[in-house]
All heavy atoms as atom14 arrays in JSON, in Angstrom:
{
  "sequence": "MSGRILVPYQRSLTTTVNDIEHIEANSLPGIGIVK",
  "atom14_mask": [
    [1, 1, 1, 1, 1, 1, 1, 1, 0, 0, 0, 0, 0, 0],
    [1, 1, 1, 1, 1, 1, 0, 0, 0, 0, 0, 0, 0, 0],
    [1, 1, 1, 1, 0, 0, 0, 0, 0, 0, 0, 0, 0, 0],
    [1, 1, 1, 1, 1, 1, 1, 1, 1, 1, 1, 0, 0, 0],
    [1, 1, 1, 1, 1, 1, 1, 1, 0, 0, 0, 0, 0, 0],
    [1, 1, 1, 1, 1, 1, 1, 1, 0, 0, 0, 0, 0, 0],
    [1, 1, 1, 1, 1, 1, 1, 0, 0, 0, 0, 0, 0, 0],
    [1, 1, 1, 1, 1, 1, 1, 0, 0, 0, 0, 0, 0, 0],
    [1, 1, 1, 1, 1, 1, 1, 1, 1, 1, 1, 1, 0, 0],
    [1, 1, 1, 1, 1, 1, 1, 1, 1, 0, 0, 0, 0, 0],
    [1, 1, 1, 1, 1, 1, 1, 1, 1, 1, 1, 0, 0, 0],
    [1, 1, 1, 1, 1, 1, 0, 0, 0, 0, 0, 0, 0, 0],
    [1, 1, 1, 1, 1, 1, 1, 1, 0, 0, 0, 0, 0, 0],
    [1, 1, 1, 1, 1, 1, 1, 0, 0, 0, 0, 0, 0, 0],
    [1, 1, 1, 1, 1, 1, 1, 0, 0, 0, 0, 0, 0, 0],
    [1, 1, 1, 1, 1, 1, 1, 0, 0, 0, 0, 0, 0, 0],
    [1, 1, 1, 1, 1, 1, 1, 0, 0, 0, 0, 0, 0, 0],
    [1, 1, 1, 1, 1, 1, 1, 1, 0, 0, 0, 0, 0, 0],
    [1, 1, 1, 1, 1, 1, 1, 1, 0, 0, 0, 0, 0, 0],
    [1, 1, 1, 1, 1, 1, 1, 1, 0, 0, 0, 0, 0, 0],
    [1, 1, 1, 1, 1, 1, 1, 1, 1, 0, 0, 0, 0, 0],
    [1, 1, 1, 1, 1, 1, 1, 1, 1, 1, 0, 0, 0, 0],
    [1, 1, 1, 1, 1, 1, 1, 1, 0, 0, 0, 0, 0, 0],
    [1, 1, 1, 1, 1, 1, 1, 1, 1, 0, 0, 0, 0, 0],
    [1, 1, 1, 1, 1, 0, 0, 0, 0, 0, 0, 0, 0, 0],
    [1, 1, 1, 1, 1, 1, 1, 1, 0, 0, 0, 0, 0, 0],
    [1, 1, 1, 1, 1, 1, 0, 0, 0, 0, 0, 0, 0, 0],
    [1, 1, 1, 1, 1, 1, 1, 1, 0, 0, 0, 0, 0, 0],
    [1, 1, 1, 1, 1, 1, 1, 0, 0, 0, 0, 0, 0, 0],
    [1, 1, 1, 1, 0, 0, 0, 0, 0, 0, 0, 0, 0, 0],
    [1, 1, 1, 1, 1, 1, 1, 1, 0, 0, 0, 0, 0, 0],
    [1, 1, 1, 1, 0, 0, 0, 0, 0, 0, 0, 0, 0, 0],
    [1, 1, 1, 1, 1, 1, 1, 1, 0, 0, 0, 0, 0, 0],
    [1, 1, 1, 1, 1, 1, 1, 0, 0, 0, 0, 0, 0, 0],
    [1, 1, 1, 1, 1, 1, 1, 1, 1, 0, 0, 0, 0, 0]
  ],
  "atom14_positions": [
    [[123.3, 133.24, 101.12], [124.55, 132.76, 101.69], [124.33, 132.15, 103.05], [124.89, 131.11, 103.4], [125.55, 133.95, 101.79], [126.85, 133.57, 102.46], [127.84, 132.32, 101.58], [128.38, 133.26, 100.17], [0.0, 0.0, 0.0], [0.0, 0.0, 0.0], [0.0, 0.0, 0.0], [0.0, 0.0, 0.0], [0.0, 0.0, 0.0], [0.0, 0.0, 0.0]],
    [[123.43, 132.77, 103.84], [123.14, 132.23, 105.16], [122.35, 130.96, 105.09], [122.64, 129.99, 105.74], [122.42, 133.31, 105.99], [122.02, 132.81, 107.24], [0.0, 0.0, 0.0], [0.0, 0.0, 0.0], [0.0, 0.0, 0.0], [0.0, 0.0, 0.0], [0.0, 0.0, 0.0], [0.0, 0.0, 0.0], [0.0, 0.0, 0.0], [0.0, 0.0, 0.0]],
    [[121.25, 131.0, 104.3], [120.32, 129.87, 104.31], [120.79, 128.67, 103.52], [120.52, 127.54, 103.9], [0.0, 0.0, 0.0], [0.0, 0.0, 0.0], [0.0, 0.0, 0.0], [0.0, 0.0, 0.0], [0.0, 0.0, 0.0], [0.0, 0.0, 0.0], [0.0, 0.0, 0.0], [0.0, 0.0, 0.0], [0.0, 0.0, 0.0], [0.0, 0.0, 0.0]],
    [[121.49, 128.89, 102.4], [121.87, 127.78, 101.54], [123.29, 127.24, 101.79], [123.59, 126.11, 101.36], [121.76, 128.22, 100.08], [120.34, 128.62, 99.67], [120.3, 129.03, 98.22], [118.94, 129.45, 97.83], [117.99, 128.62, 97.44], [118.24, 127.33, 97.39], [116.8, 129.1, 97.09], [0.0, 0.0, 0.0], [0.0, 0.0, 0.0], [0.0, 0.0, 0.0]],
    [[124.15, 128.0, 102.47], [125.51, 127.55, 102.68], [125.86, 127.5, 104.16], [126.25, 126.44, 104.69], [126.52, 128.46, 101.94], [126.3, 128.31, 100.42], [127.96, 128.09, 102.26], [127.25, 129.18, 99.59], [0.0, 0.0, 0.0], [0.0, 0.0, 0.0], [0.0, 0.0, 0.0], [0.0, 0.0, 0.0], [0.0, 0.0, 0.0], [0.0, 0.0, 0.0]],
    [[125.7, 128.62, 104.88], [126.18, 128.65, 106.28], [125.36, 127.78, 107.21], [125.94, 127.1, 108.05], [126.18, 130.13, 106.76], [127.08, 131.09, 106.01], [127.2, 132.41, 106.77], [128.47, 130.52, 105.81], [0.0, 0.0, 0.0], [0.0, 0.0, 0.0], [0.0, 0.0, 0.0], [0.0, 0.0, 0.0], [0.0, 0.0, 0.0], [0.0, 0.0, 0.0]],
    [[124.05, 127.82, 107.09], [123.24, 126.98, 108.01], [123.47, 125.5, 107.79], [123.72, 124.77, 108.78], [121.72, 127.32, 107.79], [120.87, 126.33, 108.57], [121.42, 128.74, 108.28], [0.0, 0.0, 0.0], [0.0, 0.0, 0.0], [0.0, 0.0, 0.0], [0.0, 0.0, 0.0], [0.0, 0.0, 0.0], [0.0, 0.0, 0.0], [0.0, 0.0, 0.0]],
    [[123.45, 124.94, 106.57], [123.81, 123.52, 106.46], [125.21, 123.21, 106.93], [125.48, 122.13, 107.48], [123.66, 123.24, 104.94], [122.74, 124.34, 104.45], [123.05, 125.53, 105.27], [0.0, 0.0, 0.0], [0.0, 0.0, 0.0], [0.0, 0.0, 0.0], [0.0, 0.0, 0.0], [0.0, 0.0, 0.0], [0.0, 0.0, 0.0], [0.0, 0.0, 0.0]],
    [[126.13, 124.14, 106.68], [127.51, 123.93, 107.12], [127.62, 123.86, 108.64], [128.3, 122.97, 109.18], [128.38, 125.04, 106.54], [129.85, 124.88, 106.84], [130.6, 123.78, 106.43], [130.55, 125.84, 107.6], [131.91, 123.63, 106.71], [131.88, 125.73, 107.87], [132.57, 124.61, 107.42], [133.92, 124.46, 107.71], [0.0, 0.0, 0.0], [0.0, 0.0, 0.0]],
    [[126.93, 124.76, 109.34], [126.99, 124.76, 110.81], [126.39, 123.47, 111.35], [126.85, 122.9, 112.35], [126.28, 125.97, 111.37], [126.97, 127.28, 111.01], [126.19, 128.49, 111.55], [126.2, 128.8, 112.74], [125.51, 129.2, 110.65], [0.0, 0.0, 0.0], [0.0, 0.0, 0.0], [0.0, 0.0, 0.0], [0.0, 0.0, 0.0], [0.0, 0.0, 0.0]],
    [[125.29, 122.99, 110.75], [124.67, 121.74, 111.21], [125.62, 120.58, 111.05], [125.71, 119.7, 111.93], [123.4, 121.48, 110.45], [122.25, 122.45, 110.79], [121.06, 122.22, 109.87], [119.95, 123.12, 110.19], [118.88, 123.27, 109.45], [118.74, 122.56, 108.31], [117.93, 124.1, 109.81], [0.0, 0.0, 0.0], [0.0, 0.0, 0.0], [0.0, 0.0, 0.0]],
    [[126.35, 120.51, 109.95], [127.27, 119.44, 109.75], [128.47, 119.52, 110.69], [129.03, 118.5, 111.08], [127.77, 119.43, 108.28], [128.47, 120.65, 107.99], [0.0, 0.0, 0.0], [0.0, 0.0, 0.0], [0.0, 0.0, 0.0], [0.0, 0.0, 0.0], [0.0, 0.0, 0.0], [0.0, 0.0, 0.0], [0.0, 0.0, 0.0], [0.0, 0.0, 0.0]],
    [[128.86, 120.75, 111.07], [129.99, 120.88, 111.98], [129.66, 120.29, 113.37], [130.53, 119.64, 113.96], [130.37, 122.37, 112.14], [131.05, 123.06, 110.97], [131.23, 124.55, 111.28], [132.39, 122.42, 110.69], [0.0, 0.0, 0.0], [0.0, 0.0, 0.0], [0.0, 0.0, 0.0], [0.0, 0.0, 0.0], [0.0, 0.0, 0.0], [0.0, 0.0, 0.0]],
    [[128.48, 120.48, 113.83], [128.13, 120.01, 115.17], [128.09, 118.49, 115.25], [128.09, 117.94, 116.36], [126.75, 120.58, 115.58], [125.77, 120.23, 114.6], [126.81, 122.1, 115.68], [0.0, 0.0, 0.0], [0.0, 0.0, 0.0], [0.0, 0.0, 0.0], [0.0, 0.0, 0.0], [0.0, 0.0, 0.0], [0.0, 0.0, 0.0], [0.0, 0.0, 0.0]],
    [[128.0, 117.81, 114.15], [127.94, 116.33, 114.19], [129.26, 115.66, 113.85], [129.37, 114.45, 114.06], [126.88, 115.82, 113.18], [127.22, 116.3, 111.87], [125.48, 116.36, 113.57], [0.0, 0.0, 0.0], [0.0, 0.0, 0.0], [0.0, 0.0, 0.0], [0.0, 0.0, 0.0], [0.0, 0.0, 0.0], [0.0, 0.0, 0.0], [0.0, 0.0, 0.0]],
    [[130.22, 116.43, 113.38], [131.49, 115.8, 112.9], [132.74, 116.36, 113.59], [133.8, 115.74, 113.49], [131.63, 115.98, 111.39], [131.61, 117.37, 111.05], [130.55, 115.23, 110.64], [0.0, 0.0, 0.0], [0.0, 0.0, 0.0], [0.0, 0.0, 0.0], [0.0, 0.0, 0.0], [0.0, 0.0, 0.0], [0.0, 0.0, 0.0], [0.0, 0.0, 0.0]],
    [[132.66, 117.51, 114.24], [133.82, 118.13, 114.83], [133.74, 118.06, 116.36], [132.68, 118.31, 116.95], [133.94, 119.61, 114.37], [135.17, 120.27, 114.97], [133.97, 119.7, 112.86], [0.0, 0.0, 0.0], [0.0, 0.0, 0.0], [0.0, 0.0, 0.0], [0.0, 0.0, 0.0], [0.0, 0.0, 0.0], [0.0, 0.0, 0.0], [0.0, 0.0, 0.0]],
    [[134.82, 117.69, 116.98], [134.87, 117.51, 118.44], [135.24, 118.82, 119.16], [135.89, 119.71, 118.61], [135.93, 116.45, 118.79], [135.61, 115.12, 118.16], [134.47, 114.78, 117.89], [136.68, 114.35, 117.89], [0.0, 0.0, 0.0], [0.0, 0.0, 0.0], [0.0, 0.0, 0.0], [0.0, 0.0, 0.0], [0.0, 0.0, 0.0], [0.0, 0.0, 0.0]],
    [[134.83, 118.87, 120.44], [135.25, 119.92, 121.4], [134.85, 121.32, 120.93], [135.59, 122.3, 121.16], [136.77, 119.9, 121.62], [137.24, 118.55, 122.22], [136.49, 118.0, 123.02], [138.33, 118.1, 121.85], [0.0, 0.0, 0.0], [0.0, 0.0, 0.0], [0.0, 0.0, 0.0], [0.0, 0.0, 0.0], [0.0, 0.0, 0.0], [0.0, 0.0, 0.0]],
    [[133.68, 121.46, 120.35], [133.21, 122.82, 119.97], [132.65, 123.5, 121.18], [131.8, 122.96, 121.9], [132.15, 122.72, 118.86], [132.76, 122.18, 117.55], [131.51, 124.08, 118.59], [131.8, 122.04, 116.42], [0.0, 0.0, 0.0], [0.0, 0.0, 0.0], [0.0, 0.0, 0.0], [0.0, 0.0, 0.0], [0.0, 0.0, 0.0], [0.0, 0.0, 0.0]],
    [[133.05, 124.75, 121.41], [132.51, 125.54, 122.52], [131.32, 126.35, 122.04], [130.27, 126.35, 122.65], [133.6, 126.46, 123.07], [133.31, 127.02, 124.45], [132.52, 128.33, 124.39], [132.67, 129.04, 123.37], [131.79, 128.61, 125.32], [0.0, 0.0, 0.0], [0.0, 0.0, 0.0], [0.0, 0.0, 0.0], [0.0, 0.0, 0.0], [0.0, 0.0, 0.0]],
    [[131.46, 127.07, 120.93], [130.34, 127.71, 120.27], [130.74, 128.09, 118.85], [131.94, 128.07, 118.52], [129.83, 128.92, 121.03], [130.71, 130.14, 120.96], [131.85, 130.31, 121.74], [130.64, 131.25, 120.15], [132.43, 131.45, 121.42], [131.71, 132.04, 120.47], [0.0, 0.0, 0.0], [0.0, 0.0, 0.0], [0.0, 0.0, 0.0], [0.0, 0.0, 0.0]],
    [[129.77, 128.44, 118.03], [129.99, 128.76, 116.64], [129.37, 130.15, 116.35], [128.26, 130.44, 116.79], [129.36, 127.72, 115.67], [129.96, 126.35, 115.92], [129.55, 128.1, 114.22], [129.34, 125.24, 115.12], [0.0, 0.0, 0.0], [0.0, 0.0, 0.0], [0.0, 0.0, 0.0], [0.0, 0.0, 0.0], [0.0, 0.0, 0.0], [0.0, 0.0, 0.0]],
    [[130.11, 130.96, 115.62], [129.63, 132.27, 115.19], [129.66, 132.31, 113.69], [130.59, 131.78, 113.06], [130.48, 133.41, 115.77], [130.44, 133.52, 117.26], [131.31, 134.65, 117.79], [131.88, 135.33, 116.93], [131.41, 134.81, 119.03], [0.0, 0.0, 0.0], [0.0, 0.0, 0.0], [0.0, 0.0, 0.0], [0.0, 0.0, 0.0], [0.0, 0.0, 0.0]],
    [[128.64, 132.91, 113.07], [128.56, 133.0, 111.61], [128.09, 134.39, 111.2], [127.23, 134.99, 111.85], [127.61, 131.95, 111.07], [0.0, 0.0, 0.0], [0.0, 0.0, 0.0], [0.0, 0.0, 0.0], [0.0, 0.0, 0.0], [0.0, 0.0, 0.0], [0.0, 0.0, 0.0], [0.0, 0.0, 0.0], [0.0, 0.0, 0.0], [0.0, 0.0, 0.0]],
    [[128.71, 134.89, 110.13], [128.33, 136.18, 109.56], [128.19, 136.0, 108.06], [129.08, 135.43, 107.41], [129.39, 137.28, 109.87], [129.5, 137.54, 111.35], [128.53, 137.91, 111.99], [130.7, 137.4, 111.87], [0.0, 0.0, 0.0], [0.0, 0.0, 0.0], [0.0, 0.0, 0.0], [0.0, 0.0, 0.0], [0.0, 0.0, 0.0], [0.0, 0.0, 0.0]],
    [[127.08, 136.51, 107.51], [126.88, 136.41, 106.07], [126.78, 137.79, 105.46], [126.14, 138.68, 105.99], [125.56, 135.63, 105.78], [124.44, 136.28, 106.37], [0.0, 0.0, 0.0], [0.0, 0.0, 0.0], [0.0, 0.0, 0.0], [0.0, 0.0, 0.0], [0.0, 0.0, 0.0], [0.0, 0.0, 0.0], [0.0, 0.0, 0.0], [0.0, 0.0, 0.0]],
    [[127.49, 137.96, 104.34], [127.52, 139.19, 103.58], [127.25, 138.83, 102.13], [127.26, 137.67, 101.76], [128.87, 139.88, 103.73], [129.31, 140.25, 105.16], [130.77, 140.68, 105.15], [128.45, 141.36, 105.7], [0.0, 0.0, 0.0], [0.0, 0.0, 0.0], [0.0, 0.0, 0.0], [0.0, 0.0, 0.0], [0.0, 0.0, 0.0], [0.0, 0.0, 0.0]],
    [[126.94, 139.8, 101.29], [126.75, 139.49, 99.87], [127.99, 138.84, 99.26], [129.05, 139.45, 99.16], [126.48, 140.86, 99.23], [125.91, 141.69, 100.37], [126.62, 141.23, 101.59], [0.0, 0.0, 0.0], [0.0, 0.0, 0.0], [0.0, 0.0, 0.0], [0.0, 0.0, 0.0], [0.0, 0.0, 0.0], [0.0, 0.0, 0.0], [0.0, 0.0, 0.0]],
    [[127.86, 137.58, 98.91], [128.97, 136.84, 98.29], [129.99, 136.27, 99.24], [130.89, 135.57, 98.79], [0.0, 0.0, 0.0], [0.0, 0.0, 0.0], [0.0, 0.0, 0.0], [0.0, 0.0, 0.0], [0.0, 0.0, 0.0], [0.0, 0.0, 0.0], [0.0, 0.0, 0.0], [0.0, 0.0, 0.0], [0.0, 0.0, 0.0], [0.0, 0.0, 0.0]],
    [[129.86, 136.56, 100.53], [130.87, 136.09, 101.49], [130.17, 135.57, 102.74], [129.19, 136.17, 103.22], [131.85, 137.23, 101.91], [132.61, 137.74, 100.66], [132.83, 136.75, 102.94], [133.46, 138.93, 100.97], [0.0, 0.0, 0.0], [0.0, 0.0, 0.0], [0.0, 0.0, 0.0], [0.0, 0.0, 0.0], [0.0, 0.0, 0.0], [0.0, 0.0, 0.0]],
    [[130.65, 134.47, 103.27], [130.15, 133.91, 104.53], [131.31, 133.46, 105.4], [132.21, 132.75, 104.95], [0.0, 0.0, 0.0], [0.0, 0.0, 0.0], [0.0, 0.0, 0.0], [0.0, 0.0, 0.0], [0.0, 0.0, 0.0], [0.0, 0.0, 0.0], [0.0, 0.0, 0.0], [0.0, 0.0, 0.0], [0.0, 0.0, 0.0], [0.0, 0.0, 0.0]],
    [[131.33, 133.93, 106.65], [132.4, 133.59, 107.59], [131.8, 132.79, 108.75], [130.85, 133.21, 109.4], [133.07, 134.85, 108.15], [133.56, 135.77, 107.0], [134.23, 134.47, 109.05], [134.62, 135.18, 106.16], [0.0, 0.0, 0.0], [0.0, 0.0, 0.0], [0.0, 0.0, 0.0], [0.0, 0.0, 0.0], [0.0, 0.0, 0.0], [0.0, 0.0, 0.0]],
    [[132.38, 131.61, 109.02], [131.99, 130.79, 110.13], [133.18, 130.64, 111.06], [134.22, 130.13, 110.63], [131.48, 129.4, 109.66], [131.15, 128.51, 110.87], [130.26, 129.56, 108.75], [0.0, 0.0, 0.0], [0.0, 0.0, 0.0], [0.0, 0.0, 0.0], [0.0, 0.0, 0.0], [0.0, 0.0, 0.0], [0.0, 0.0, 0.0], [0.0, 0.0, 0.0]],
    [[133.02, 131.05, 112.32], [134.09, 130.94, 113.3], [133.71, 129.84, 114.31], [132.64, 129.92, 114.92], [134.31, 132.24, 114.05], [134.82, 133.36, 113.18], [135.01, 134.63, 113.99], [135.51, 135.81, 113.12], [135.66, 137.05, 113.92], [0.0, 0.0, 0.0], [0.0, 0.0, 0.0], [0.0, 0.0, 0.0], [0.0, 0.0, 0.0], [0.0, 0.0, 0.0]]
  ]
}
């Protein structure tokens, strides 16, 4: 969940979303939360 979904997702966020202060991510079995 972390390596195949959350990491690519966070990389794409930094290039397409404005005014980001910081990003937090938590991965659990079957669930991934990106704040």
